[in-house]
Amino acid sequence: IQGGTPHSNGRHQLHVRGRKIIMVLAATNHPWDIDEAFRRRFEKRIFIPLPDDDTRIALLKLCLKNLELDPTLDYNKISANLEGYTCSDIINVCRDASMMSMRRMIMGRSPEEIRKLKKSEVDLPVTAYDFKEAVSKCKKSVSAKDIERYTAWIEEFGSC
């Protein structure tokens, strides 16, 4: 071992020669449920906040990159409507929005009528209206009370 003793903290353990180093990386949505003795053994506890505006826009662009979009679609407006949503929530909204035009097209039609539809009739650009509908159906999975609980936990137990 270079520098430190075998009982030194993790940064010294990275200098072990000829040995494999094991790093444990864990994630939870409920850190307050972790056993206290177990929690103390984790050197770092890092809170990952909900995505900010720039992150939401980047995620929207990533989720929608292979889809045809209405040219008037405004990422900034969509992002503003997704404030407080998790990344997973945003992915679900994008998936739902991408299916809206097809759902409208097949609604009220028989299976036979649906089979006769041309791809061009159901493969329409994703619009702001599609996102409005998707957001109304896909609710936030994290409440303001949850955020307060995470903030209190990280203030008490978090480390950088």
N, C-alpha and C. Protein backbone atom coordinates (compact mmCIF):
# COMPACT_ATOMS: atom_id res chain seq x y z
N ILE A 1 0.86 -1.18 0.00
CA ILE A 1 0.00 0.00 0.00
C ILE A 1 0.89 1.23 0.00
N GLN A 2 0.61 2.16 -0.86
CA GLN A 2 1.36 3.41 -0.89
C GLN A 2 0.63 4.43 -0.04
N GLY A 3 1.29 4.96 0.96
CA GLY A 3 0.68 6.00 1.78
C GLY A 3 -0.44 5.47 2.63
N GLY A 4 -0.35 5.67 3.93
CA GLY A 4 -1.43 5.24 4.80
C GLY A 4 -1.26 3.81 5.27
N THR A 5 -2.20 3.38 6.05
CA THR A 5 -2.20 2.03 6.59
C THR A 5 -3.30 1.24 5.92
N PRO A 6 -3.31 -0.08 6.15
CA PRO A 6 -4.41 -0.87 5.56
C PRO A 6 -5.78 -0.39 6.02
N HIS A 7 -5.82 0.37 7.11
CA HIS A 7 -7.11 0.83 7.63
C HIS A 7 -7.43 2.27 7.21
N SER A 8 -6.62 2.82 6.30
CA SER A 8 -6.87 4.19 5.82
C SER A 8 -8.17 4.25 5.05
N ASN A 9 -8.60 5.46 4.81
CA ASN A 9 -9.86 5.61 4.08
C ASN A 9 -9.71 5.22 2.61
N GLY A 10 -10.80 5.23 1.87
CA GLY A 10 -10.88 4.73 0.50
C GLY A 10 -9.89 5.33 -0.48
N ARG A 11 -9.52 6.60 -0.32
CA ARG A 11 -8.62 7.19 -1.31
C ARG A 11 -7.26 6.52 -1.29
N HIS A 12 -6.81 6.03 -0.13
CA HIS A 12 -5.54 5.32 -0.06
C HIS A 12 -5.68 3.90 -0.58
N GLN A 13 -6.81 3.32 -0.42
CA GLN A 13 -7.02 1.95 -0.86
C GLN A 13 -6.94 1.84 -2.38
N LEU A 14 -7.09 2.91 -3.09
CA LEU A 14 -6.98 2.88 -4.54
C LEU A 14 -5.55 2.60 -5.00
N HIS A 15 -4.57 2.70 -4.10
CA HIS A 15 -3.17 2.48 -4.45
C HIS A 15 -2.69 1.07 -4.13
N VAL A 16 -3.59 0.17 -3.81
CA VAL A 16 -3.22 -1.21 -3.52
C VAL A 16 -2.69 -1.84 -4.80
N ARG A 17 -1.51 -2.48 -4.71
CA ARG A 17 -0.90 -3.10 -5.89
C ARG A 17 -1.23 -4.58 -5.92
N GLY A 18 -1.61 -5.05 -7.12
CA GLY A 18 -1.85 -6.47 -7.31
C GLY A 18 -3.13 -6.99 -6.68
N ARG A 19 -3.96 -6.14 -6.23
CA ARG A 19 -5.23 -6.57 -5.63
C ARG A 19 -6.38 -5.90 -6.35
N LYS A 20 -7.46 -6.63 -6.43
CA LYS A 20 -8.67 -6.03 -6.98
C LYS A 20 -9.33 -5.17 -5.91
N ILE A 21 -9.83 -4.06 -6.34
CA ILE A 21 -10.50 -3.15 -5.42
C ILE A 21 -11.99 -3.26 -5.63
N ILE A 22 -12.71 -3.36 -4.56
CA ILE A 22 -14.17 -3.47 -4.63
C ILE A 22 -14.76 -2.15 -4.18
N MET A 23 -15.64 -1.64 -5.00
CA MET A 23 -16.36 -0.43 -4.65
C MET A 23 -17.85 -0.76 -4.66
N VAL A 24 -18.53 -0.37 -3.63
CA VAL A 24 -19.97 -0.60 -3.56
C VAL A 24 -20.66 0.72 -3.88
N LEU A 25 -21.52 0.67 -4.87
CA LEU A 25 -22.32 1.82 -5.26
C LEU A 25 -23.77 1.41 -5.11
N ALA A 26 -24.50 2.14 -4.32
CA ALA A 26 -25.90 1.78 -4.06
C ALA A 26 -26.79 3.00 -4.29
N ALA A 27 -28.03 2.74 -4.59
CA ALA A 27 -28.99 3.83 -4.80
C ALA A 27 -30.31 3.43 -4.17
N THR A 28 -31.00 4.41 -3.65
CA THR A 28 -32.32 4.16 -3.07
C THR A 28 -33.18 5.40 -3.20
N ASN A 29 -34.46 5.19 -3.28
CA ASN A 29 -35.41 6.29 -3.26
C ASN A 29 -35.89 6.58 -1.84
N HIS A 30 -35.49 5.71 -0.91
CA HIS A 30 -35.93 5.85 0.49
C HIS A 30 -34.74 5.70 1.43
N PRO A 31 -33.83 6.68 1.46
CA PRO A 31 -32.63 6.54 2.28
C PRO A 31 -32.91 6.42 3.77
N TRP A 32 -34.02 6.95 4.24
CA TRP A 32 -34.37 6.89 5.65
C TRP A 32 -34.71 5.47 6.10
N ASP A 33 -34.93 4.56 5.15
CA ASP A 33 -35.22 3.17 5.49
C ASP A 33 -33.96 2.32 5.65
N ILE A 34 -32.79 2.89 5.37
CA ILE A 34 -31.53 2.14 5.48
C ILE A 34 -31.17 1.98 6.95
N ASP A 35 -30.78 0.78 7.31
CA ASP A 35 -30.34 0.48 8.67
C ASP A 35 -29.19 1.42 9.06
N GLU A 36 -29.24 1.95 10.28
CA GLU A 36 -28.24 2.93 10.72
C GLU A 36 -26.82 2.38 10.66
N ALA A 37 -26.61 1.16 11.12
CA ALA A 37 -25.27 0.56 11.11
C ALA A 37 -24.78 0.38 9.67
N PHE A 38 -25.66 0.00 8.79
CA PHE A 38 -25.31 -0.17 7.38
C PHE A 38 -24.98 1.19 6.75
N ARG A 39 -25.80 2.18 7.04
CA ARG A 39 -25.61 3.53 6.49
C ARG A 39 -24.26 4.12 6.89
N ARG A 40 -23.84 3.90 8.13
CA ARG A 40 -22.58 4.45 8.62
C ARG A 40 -21.38 3.90 7.85
N ARG A 41 -21.51 2.75 7.27
CA ARG A 41 -20.39 2.13 6.55
C ARG A 41 -20.19 2.71 5.15
N PHE A 42 -21.13 3.51 4.70
CA PHE A 42 -20.97 4.18 3.42
C PHE A 42 -20.30 5.53 3.66
N GLU A 43 -19.13 5.68 3.04
CA GLU A 43 -18.35 6.90 3.23
C GLU A 43 -19.06 8.12 2.65
N LYS A 44 -19.67 7.97 1.51
CA LYS A 44 -20.34 9.08 0.84
C LYS A 44 -21.83 8.80 0.70
N ARG A 45 -22.62 9.82 0.96
CA ARG A 45 -24.06 9.76 0.75
C ARG A 45 -24.42 11.02 -0.01
N ILE A 46 -24.82 10.84 -1.23
CA ILE A 46 -25.02 11.99 -2.13
C ILE A 46 -26.47 12.03 -2.59
N PHE A 47 -27.07 13.18 -2.45
CA PHE A 47 -28.45 13.40 -2.89
C PHE A 47 -28.42 13.88 -4.34
N ILE A 48 -29.15 13.21 -5.20
CA ILE A 48 -29.30 13.62 -6.59
C ILE A 48 -30.66 14.32 -6.70
N PRO A 49 -30.67 15.63 -6.91
CA PRO A 49 -31.95 16.36 -6.94
C PRO A 49 -32.74 16.10 -8.22
N LEU A 50 -33.95 16.58 -8.22
CA LEU A 50 -34.77 16.52 -9.43
C LEU A 50 -34.08 17.32 -10.54
N PRO A 51 -34.31 16.95 -11.79
CA PRO A 51 -33.62 17.65 -12.88
C PRO A 51 -34.03 19.12 -12.98
N ASP A 52 -33.03 19.97 -13.22
CA ASP A 52 -33.31 21.39 -13.44
C ASP A 52 -33.74 21.60 -14.89
N ASP A 53 -33.99 22.84 -15.25
CA ASP A 53 -34.52 23.15 -16.58
C ASP A 53 -33.59 22.64 -17.70
N ASP A 54 -32.29 22.91 -17.58
CA ASP A 54 -31.34 22.47 -18.61
C ASP A 54 -31.32 20.95 -18.74
N THR A 55 -31.37 20.27 -17.61
CA THR A 55 -31.36 18.81 -17.62
C THR A 55 -32.64 18.26 -18.23
N ARG A 56 -33.78 18.88 -17.89
CA ARG A 56 -35.05 18.44 -18.47
C ARG A 56 -35.04 18.60 -19.99
N ILE A 57 -34.52 19.73 -20.47
CA ILE A 57 -34.46 19.97 -21.92
C ILE A 57 -33.54 18.94 -22.58
N ALA A 58 -32.38 18.68 -21.98
CA ALA A 58 -31.46 17.68 -22.54
C ALA A 58 -32.11 16.31 -22.58
N LEU A 59 -32.85 15.96 -21.53
CA LEU A 59 -33.54 14.67 -21.48
C LEU A 59 -34.64 14.59 -22.54
N LEU A 60 -35.39 15.67 -22.69
CA LEU A 60 -36.43 15.71 -23.74
C LEU A 60 -35.81 15.49 -25.12
N LYS A 61 -34.72 16.18 -25.39
CA LYS A 61 -34.05 16.03 -26.69
C LYS A 61 -33.55 14.60 -26.90
N LEU A 62 -33.03 14.00 -25.84
CA LEU A 62 -32.55 12.63 -25.93
C LEU A 62 -33.70 11.66 -26.19
N CYS A 63 -34.79 11.82 -25.46
CA CYS A 63 -35.95 10.93 -25.61
C CYS A 63 -36.63 11.07 -26.97
N LEU A 64 -36.57 12.26 -27.53
CA LEU A 64 -37.32 12.54 -28.76
C LEU A 64 -36.45 12.54 -30.02
N LYS A 65 -35.16 12.23 -29.87
CA LYS A 65 -34.24 12.39 -31.00
C LYS A 65 -34.58 11.55 -32.22
N ASN A 66 -35.23 10.42 -32.05
CA ASN A 66 -35.55 9.56 -33.19
C ASN A 66 -37.01 9.67 -33.65
N LEU A 67 -37.70 10.68 -33.13
CA LEU A 67 -39.11 10.85 -33.48
C LEU A 67 -39.30 12.06 -34.38
N GLU A 68 -40.35 12.01 -35.17
CA GLU A 68 -40.71 13.18 -35.97
C GLU A 68 -41.45 14.14 -35.05
N LEU A 69 -41.00 15.39 -35.03
CA LEU A 69 -41.59 16.39 -34.15
C LEU A 69 -42.22 17.51 -34.95
N ASP A 70 -43.29 18.06 -34.41
CA ASP A 70 -43.89 19.25 -35.00
C ASP A 70 -42.83 20.35 -34.93
N PRO A 71 -42.61 21.07 -36.02
CA PRO A 71 -41.56 22.10 -36.02
C PRO A 71 -41.80 23.22 -35.02
N THR A 72 -43.02 23.37 -34.55
CA THR A 72 -43.31 24.44 -33.58
C THR A 72 -43.14 23.97 -32.13
N LEU A 73 -42.75 22.72 -31.94
CA LEU A 73 -42.58 22.18 -30.59
C LEU A 73 -41.50 22.97 -29.85
N ASP A 74 -41.82 23.46 -28.67
CA ASP A 74 -40.92 24.31 -27.90
C ASP A 74 -40.45 23.56 -26.65
N TYR A 75 -39.19 23.14 -26.66
CA TYR A 75 -38.63 22.40 -25.53
C TYR A 75 -38.71 23.19 -24.23
N ASN A 76 -38.52 24.50 -24.31
CA ASN A 76 -38.56 25.33 -23.10
C ASN A 76 -39.93 25.30 -22.43
N LYS A 77 -40.98 25.39 -23.23
CA LYS A 77 -42.34 25.35 -22.67
C LYS A 77 -42.65 23.98 -22.08
N ILE A 78 -42.25 22.94 -22.80
CA ILE A 78 -42.49 21.58 -22.29
C ILE A 78 -41.74 21.38 -20.98
N SER A 79 -40.48 21.80 -20.96
CA SER A 79 -39.66 21.66 -19.76
C SER A 79 -40.29 22.39 -18.57
N ALA A 80 -40.79 23.58 -18.80
CA ALA A 80 -41.43 24.35 -17.72
C ALA A 80 -42.62 23.59 -17.14
N ASN A 81 -43.35 22.87 -17.98
CA ASN A 81 -44.50 22.08 -17.51
C ASN A 81 -44.07 20.81 -16.78
N LEU A 82 -42.79 20.47 -16.87
CA LEU A 82 -42.30 19.24 -16.24
C LEU A 82 -41.48 19.52 -14.99
N GLU A 83 -41.53 20.75 -14.49
CA GLU A 83 -40.81 21.06 -13.26
C GLU A 83 -41.36 20.20 -12.12
N GLY A 84 -40.47 19.59 -11.36
CA GLY A 84 -40.89 18.72 -10.27
C GLY A 84 -41.02 17.26 -10.67
N TYR A 85 -40.83 16.97 -11.95
CA TYR A 85 -40.88 15.58 -12.44
C TYR A 85 -39.50 14.96 -12.33
N THR A 86 -39.44 13.67 -12.04
CA THR A 86 -38.18 12.93 -12.04
C THR A 86 -37.79 12.62 -13.48
N CYS A 87 -36.56 12.17 -13.67
CA CYS A 87 -36.13 11.76 -15.02
C CYS A 87 -37.01 10.62 -15.52
N SER A 88 -37.33 9.69 -14.66
CA SER A 88 -38.20 8.58 -15.04
C SER A 88 -39.58 9.08 -15.44
N ASP A 89 -40.11 10.04 -14.69
CA ASP A 89 -41.41 10.63 -15.03
C ASP A 89 -41.37 11.27 -16.42
N ILE A 90 -40.29 11.99 -16.71
CA ILE A 90 -40.15 12.68 -17.99
C ILE A 90 -40.07 11.68 -19.14
N ILE A 91 -39.35 10.60 -18.93
CA ILE A 91 -39.26 9.55 -19.95
C ILE A 91 -40.65 8.98 -20.22
N ASN A 92 -41.43 8.76 -19.16
CA ASN A 92 -42.80 8.26 -19.33
C ASN A 92 -43.67 9.25 -20.09
N VAL A 93 -43.53 10.54 -19.79
CA VAL A 93 -44.30 11.57 -20.50
C VAL A 93 -43.94 11.56 -21.98
N CYS A 94 -42.65 11.47 -22.29
CA CYS A 94 -42.22 11.44 -23.70
C CYS A 94 -42.78 10.22 -24.42
N ARG A 95 -42.72 9.08 -23.76
CA ARG A 95 -43.25 7.85 -24.37
C ARG A 95 -44.75 8.00 -24.63
N ASP A 96 -45.45 8.54 -23.64
CA ASP A 96 -46.90 8.71 -23.78
C ASP A 96 -47.23 9.73 -24.88
N ALA A 97 -46.50 10.84 -24.90
CA ALA A 97 -46.74 11.87 -25.93
C ALA A 97 -46.50 11.31 -27.33
N SER A 98 -45.49 10.46 -27.45
CA SER A 98 -45.18 9.91 -28.78
C SER A 98 -46.27 8.98 -29.30
N MET A 99 -47.11 8.48 -28.41
CA MET A 99 -48.18 7.55 -28.81
C MET A 99 -49.53 8.24 -28.96
N MET A 100 -49.64 9.50 -28.57
CA MET A 100 -50.93 10.18 -28.55
C MET A 100 -51.62 10.24 -29.92
N SER A 101 -50.90 10.60 -30.96
CA SER A 101 -51.55 10.73 -32.28
C SER A 101 -52.09 9.39 -32.75
N MET A 102 -51.34 8.31 -32.49
CA MET A 102 -51.81 6.99 -32.88
C MET A 102 -53.06 6.61 -32.08
N ARG A 103 -53.03 6.89 -30.79
CA ARG A 103 -54.20 6.57 -29.95
C ARG A 103 -55.45 7.30 -30.44
N ARG A 104 -55.28 8.58 -30.80
CA ARG A 104 -56.43 9.33 -31.31
C ARG A 104 -56.93 8.73 -32.62
N MET A 105 -56.01 8.29 -33.45
CA MET A 105 -56.37 7.75 -34.76
C MET A 105 -57.13 6.42 -34.65
N ILE A 106 -56.78 5.60 -33.67
CA ILE A 106 -57.43 4.28 -33.58
C ILE A 106 -58.65 4.28 -32.66
N MET A 107 -58.82 5.35 -31.90
CA MET A 107 -59.94 5.40 -30.96
C MET A 107 -61.28 5.26 -31.70
N GLY A 108 -62.11 4.36 -31.21
CA GLY A 108 -63.43 4.16 -31.77
C GLY A 108 -63.46 3.33 -33.04
N ARG A 109 -62.32 2.84 -33.48
CA ARG A 109 -62.28 2.02 -34.70
C ARG A 109 -62.26 0.54 -34.33
N SER A 110 -62.77 -0.25 -35.23
CA SER A 110 -62.76 -1.71 -35.04
C SER A 110 -61.36 -2.24 -35.35
N PRO A 111 -61.02 -3.44 -34.86
CA PRO A 111 -59.72 -4.03 -35.19
C PRO A 111 -59.49 -4.11 -36.70
N GLU A 112 -60.54 -4.40 -37.45
CA GLU A 112 -60.40 -4.48 -38.91
C GLU A 112 -60.06 -3.11 -39.50
N GLU A 113 -60.72 -2.07 -39.01
CA GLU A 113 -60.42 -0.71 -39.50
C GLU A 113 -58.99 -0.30 -39.14
N ILE A 114 -58.57 -0.69 -37.96
CA ILE A 114 -57.21 -0.36 -37.51
C ILE A 114 -56.18 -1.03 -38.40
N ARG A 115 -56.41 -2.30 -38.74
CA ARG A 115 -55.48 -3.02 -39.62
C ARG A 115 -55.36 -2.37 -40.99
N LYS A 116 -56.41 -1.73 -41.44
CA LYS A 116 -56.41 -1.11 -42.77
C LYS A 116 -55.72 0.26 -42.80
N LEU A 117 -55.45 0.82 -41.61
CA LEU A 117 -54.79 2.13 -41.57
C LEU A 117 -53.38 2.04 -42.15
N LYS A 118 -53.01 3.08 -42.85
CA LYS A 118 -51.65 3.16 -43.40
C LYS A 118 -50.73 3.70 -42.31
N LYS A 119 -49.46 3.32 -42.40
CA LYS A 119 -48.47 3.80 -41.44
C LYS A 119 -48.46 5.32 -41.39
N SER A 120 -48.58 5.95 -42.52
CA SER A 120 -48.55 7.42 -42.57
C SER A 120 -49.74 8.06 -41.84
N GLU A 121 -50.80 7.29 -41.64
CA GLU A 121 -51.98 7.83 -40.95
C GLU A 121 -51.82 7.81 -39.43
N VAL A 122 -50.95 6.94 -38.93
CA VAL A 122 -50.77 6.85 -37.48
C VAL A 122 -49.40 7.34 -37.03
N ASP A 123 -48.46 7.45 -37.95
CA ASP A 123 -47.10 7.88 -37.64
C ASP A 123 -46.98 9.38 -37.89
N LEU A 124 -47.58 10.16 -36.99
CA LEU A 124 -47.63 11.62 -37.15
C LEU A 124 -46.62 12.30 -36.23
N PRO A 125 -46.25 13.53 -36.53
CA PRO A 125 -45.30 14.24 -35.66
C PRO A 125 -45.87 14.45 -34.26
N VAL A 126 -44.97 14.44 -33.28
CA VAL A 126 -45.35 14.71 -31.89
C VAL A 126 -45.54 16.22 -31.76
N THR A 127 -46.66 16.61 -31.15
CA THR A 127 -47.01 18.03 -31.03
C THR A 127 -47.06 18.49 -29.58
N ALA A 128 -47.17 19.79 -29.39
CA ALA A 128 -47.33 20.36 -28.05
C ALA A 128 -48.61 19.83 -27.42
N TYR A 129 -49.65 19.66 -28.22
CA TYR A 129 -50.92 19.12 -27.71
C TYR A 129 -50.72 17.70 -27.17
N ASP A 130 -49.90 16.89 -27.86
CA ASP A 130 -49.60 15.54 -27.39
C ASP A 130 -48.95 15.60 -26.01
N PHE A 131 -48.04 16.54 -25.83
CA PHE A 131 -47.38 16.69 -24.53
C PHE A 131 -48.35 17.18 -23.47
N LYS A 132 -49.24 18.08 -23.84
CA LYS A 132 -50.24 18.58 -22.88
C LYS A 132 -51.08 17.41 -22.37
N GLU A 133 -51.52 16.55 -23.28
CA GLU A 133 -52.30 15.38 -22.89
C GLU A 133 -51.48 14.42 -22.03
N ALA A 134 -50.25 14.18 -22.44
CA ALA A 134 -49.38 13.24 -21.71
C ALA A 134 -49.11 13.74 -20.30
N VAL A 135 -48.83 15.03 -20.16
CA VAL A 135 -48.56 15.59 -18.83
C VAL A 135 -49.79 15.48 -17.95
N SER A 136 -50.98 15.65 -18.53
CA SER A 136 -52.20 15.55 -17.72
C SER A 136 -52.44 14.12 -17.24
N LYS A 137 -51.90 13.14 -17.95
CA LYS A 137 -52.09 11.74 -17.57
C LYS A 137 -50.95 11.20 -16.71
N CYS A 138 -49.76 11.73 -16.89
CA CYS A 138 -48.57 11.24 -16.16
C CYS A 138 -48.25 12.23 -15.05
N LYS A 139 -48.63 11.90 -13.86
CA LYS A 139 -48.43 12.80 -12.73
C LYS A 139 -47.02 12.64 -12.14
N LYS A 140 -46.59 13.66 -11.40
CA LYS A 140 -45.30 13.62 -10.72
C LYS A 140 -45.29 12.46 -9.72
N SER A 141 -44.15 11.80 -9.62
CA SER A 141 -44.06 10.69 -8.67
C SER A 141 -43.45 11.14 -7.34
N VAL A 142 -43.01 12.39 -7.26
CA VAL A 142 -42.40 12.92 -6.04
C VAL A 142 -43.18 14.18 -5.64
N SER A 143 -43.62 14.21 -4.40
CA SER A 143 -44.39 15.36 -3.92
C SER A 143 -43.47 16.37 -3.23
N ALA A 144 -44.00 17.54 -2.95
CA ALA A 144 -43.24 18.57 -2.21
C ALA A 144 -42.86 18.04 -0.83
N LYS A 145 -43.74 17.26 -0.23
CA LYS A 145 -43.45 16.67 1.08
C LYS A 145 -42.27 15.69 0.98
N ASP A 146 -42.23 14.93 -0.11
CA ASP A 146 -41.10 14.01 -0.33
C ASP A 146 -39.79 14.79 -0.43
N ILE A 147 -39.81 15.90 -1.16
CA ILE A 147 -38.61 16.72 -1.34
C ILE A 147 -38.13 17.23 0.02
N GLU A 148 -39.06 17.68 0.85
CA GLU A 148 -38.70 18.14 2.20
C GLU A 148 -38.04 17.02 2.99
N ARG A 149 -38.56 15.82 2.86
CA ARG A 149 -38.01 14.68 3.59
C ARG A 149 -36.60 14.36 3.10
N TYR A 150 -36.38 14.37 1.77
CA TYR A 150 -35.05 14.12 1.22
C TYR A 150 -34.07 15.19 1.70
N THR A 151 -34.51 16.45 1.65
CA THR A 151 -33.65 17.56 2.06
C THR A 151 -33.25 17.43 3.52
N ALA A 152 -34.19 17.11 4.38
CA ALA A 152 -33.89 16.94 5.80
C ALA A 152 -32.91 15.78 6.01
N TRP A 153 -33.10 14.68 5.28
CA TRP A 153 -32.22 13.52 5.43
C TRP A 153 -30.80 13.86 4.99
N ILE A 154 -30.66 14.51 3.85
CA ILE A 154 -29.31 14.81 3.34
C ILE A 154 -28.62 15.83 4.23
N GLU A 155 -29.38 16.75 4.82
CA GLU A 155 -28.77 17.71 5.75
C GLU A 155 -28.23 17.00 6.98
N GLU A 156 -28.92 15.96 7.41
CA GLU A 156 -28.49 15.23 8.60
C GLU A 156 -27.41 14.20 8.30
N PHE A 157 -27.53 13.47 7.19
CA PHE A 157 -26.64 12.33 6.94
C PHE A 157 -25.76 12.44 5.71
N GLY A 158 -26.01 13.42 4.86
CA GLY A 158 -25.28 13.50 3.59
C GLY A 158 -23.83 13.89 3.77
N SER A 159 -23.04 13.59 2.77
CA SER A 159 -21.64 13.99 2.75
C SER A 159 -21.20 14.20 1.31
N CYS A 160 -20.15 14.97 1.13
CA CYS A 160 -19.63 15.22 -0.22
C CYS A 160 -18.20 14.78 -0.32
